[in-house]
Amino acid sequence: MYSRIRALREDRDLTQSQVAKILHCSQQVYSNYELGQRDIPTDILIKLACFYHVSTDYILGLSDTLYP
């Protein structure tokens, strides 16, 4: 799951700081999500899925289908 949110971010040429701003968290907190050092709260998971237009199942690694 953590590598997927990083790949989604990098595919769109976004920095961690830019995504953190969208999620209303600090860059460090977002970095911890990508590194797997902090669990991603459900509300953040949903925001990421909506922002990237992918399913939460894709982010969680339950599906290889990008779109819901």
Protein backbone atom coordinates (compact mmCIF):
# COMPACT_ATOMS: atom_id res chain seq x y z
CA MET A 1 0.00 0.00 0.00
CA TYR A 2 2.77 2.44 0.89
CA SER A 3 4.61 1.99 -2.39
CA ARG A 4 1.36 2.53 -4.26
CA ILE A 5 0.69 5.96 -2.78
CA ARG A 6 4.28 6.92 -3.56
CA ALA A 7 3.97 5.68 -7.15
CA LEU A 8 0.67 7.53 -7.62
CA ARG A 9 2.28 10.74 -6.36
CA GLU A 10 5.41 10.36 -8.47
CA ASP A 11 3.41 9.49 -11.61
CA ARG A 12 1.78 12.90 -11.30
CA ASP A 13 5.08 14.70 -10.58
CA LEU A 14 3.90 15.87 -7.18
CA THR A 15 6.05 16.44 -4.12
CA GLN A 16 5.21 15.10 -0.69
CA SER A 17 4.61 18.67 0.44
CA GLN A 18 2.03 19.24 -2.30
CA VAL A 19 0.09 16.12 -1.40
CA ALA A 20 0.36 16.92 2.31
CA LYS A 21 -1.21 20.32 1.65
CA ILE A 22 -4.13 18.68 -0.14
CA LEU A 23 -4.59 16.28 2.79
CA HIS A 24 -4.18 19.06 5.38
CA CYS A 25 -1.27 17.39 7.13
CA SER A 26 2.45 18.07 7.40
CA GLN A 27 5.00 16.80 4.90
CA GLN A 28 6.54 14.69 7.67
CA VAL A 29 3.24 12.97 8.46
CA TYR A 30 2.69 12.25 4.78
CA SER A 31 6.24 10.95 4.45
CA ASN A 32 5.53 8.57 7.33
CA TYR A 33 2.50 7.26 5.41
CA GLU A 34 4.64 6.54 2.35
CA LEU A 35 7.34 4.86 4.45
CA GLY A 36 4.82 2.74 6.33
CA GLN A 37 5.87 4.26 9.63
CA ARG A 38 2.35 5.49 10.32
CA ASP A 39 -0.96 3.83 9.50
CA ILE A 40 -3.07 5.75 7.01
CA PRO A 41 -6.34 6.81 8.66
CA THR A 42 -9.51 5.88 6.80
CA ASP A 43 -10.41 9.49 6.01
CA ILE A 44 -6.97 10.08 4.48
CA LEU A 45 -7.22 6.86 2.48
CA ILE A 46 -10.55 8.02 1.04
CA LYS A 47 -9.13 11.47 0.23
CA LEU A 48 -6.18 9.87 -1.58
CA ALA A 49 -8.46 7.59 -3.58
CA CYS A 50 -10.67 10.52 -4.58
CA PHE A 51 -7.72 12.76 -5.41
CA TYR A 52 -6.01 10.14 -7.59
CA HIS A 53 -9.32 8.79 -8.98
CA VAL A 54 -8.50 5.23 -7.95
CA SER A 55 -10.26 2.74 -5.71
CA THR A 56 -9.35 2.33 -2.07
CA ASP A 57 -8.89 -1.37 -2.87
CA TYR A 58 -6.14 -0.41 -5.32
CA ILE A 59 -4.32 1.67 -2.72
CA LEU A 60 -4.68 -1.10 -0.14
CA GLY A 61 -3.26 -3.66 -2.57
CA LEU A 62 -6.49 -5.68 -2.70
CA SER A 63 -6.92 -5.04 -6.41
CA ASP A 64 -4.68 -4.29 -9.36
CA THR A 65 -7.49 -2.39 -11.07
CA LEU A 66 -6.78 1.31 -10.83
CA TYR A 67 -10.27 2.66 -11.30
CA PRO A 68 -13.43 1.90 -9.34
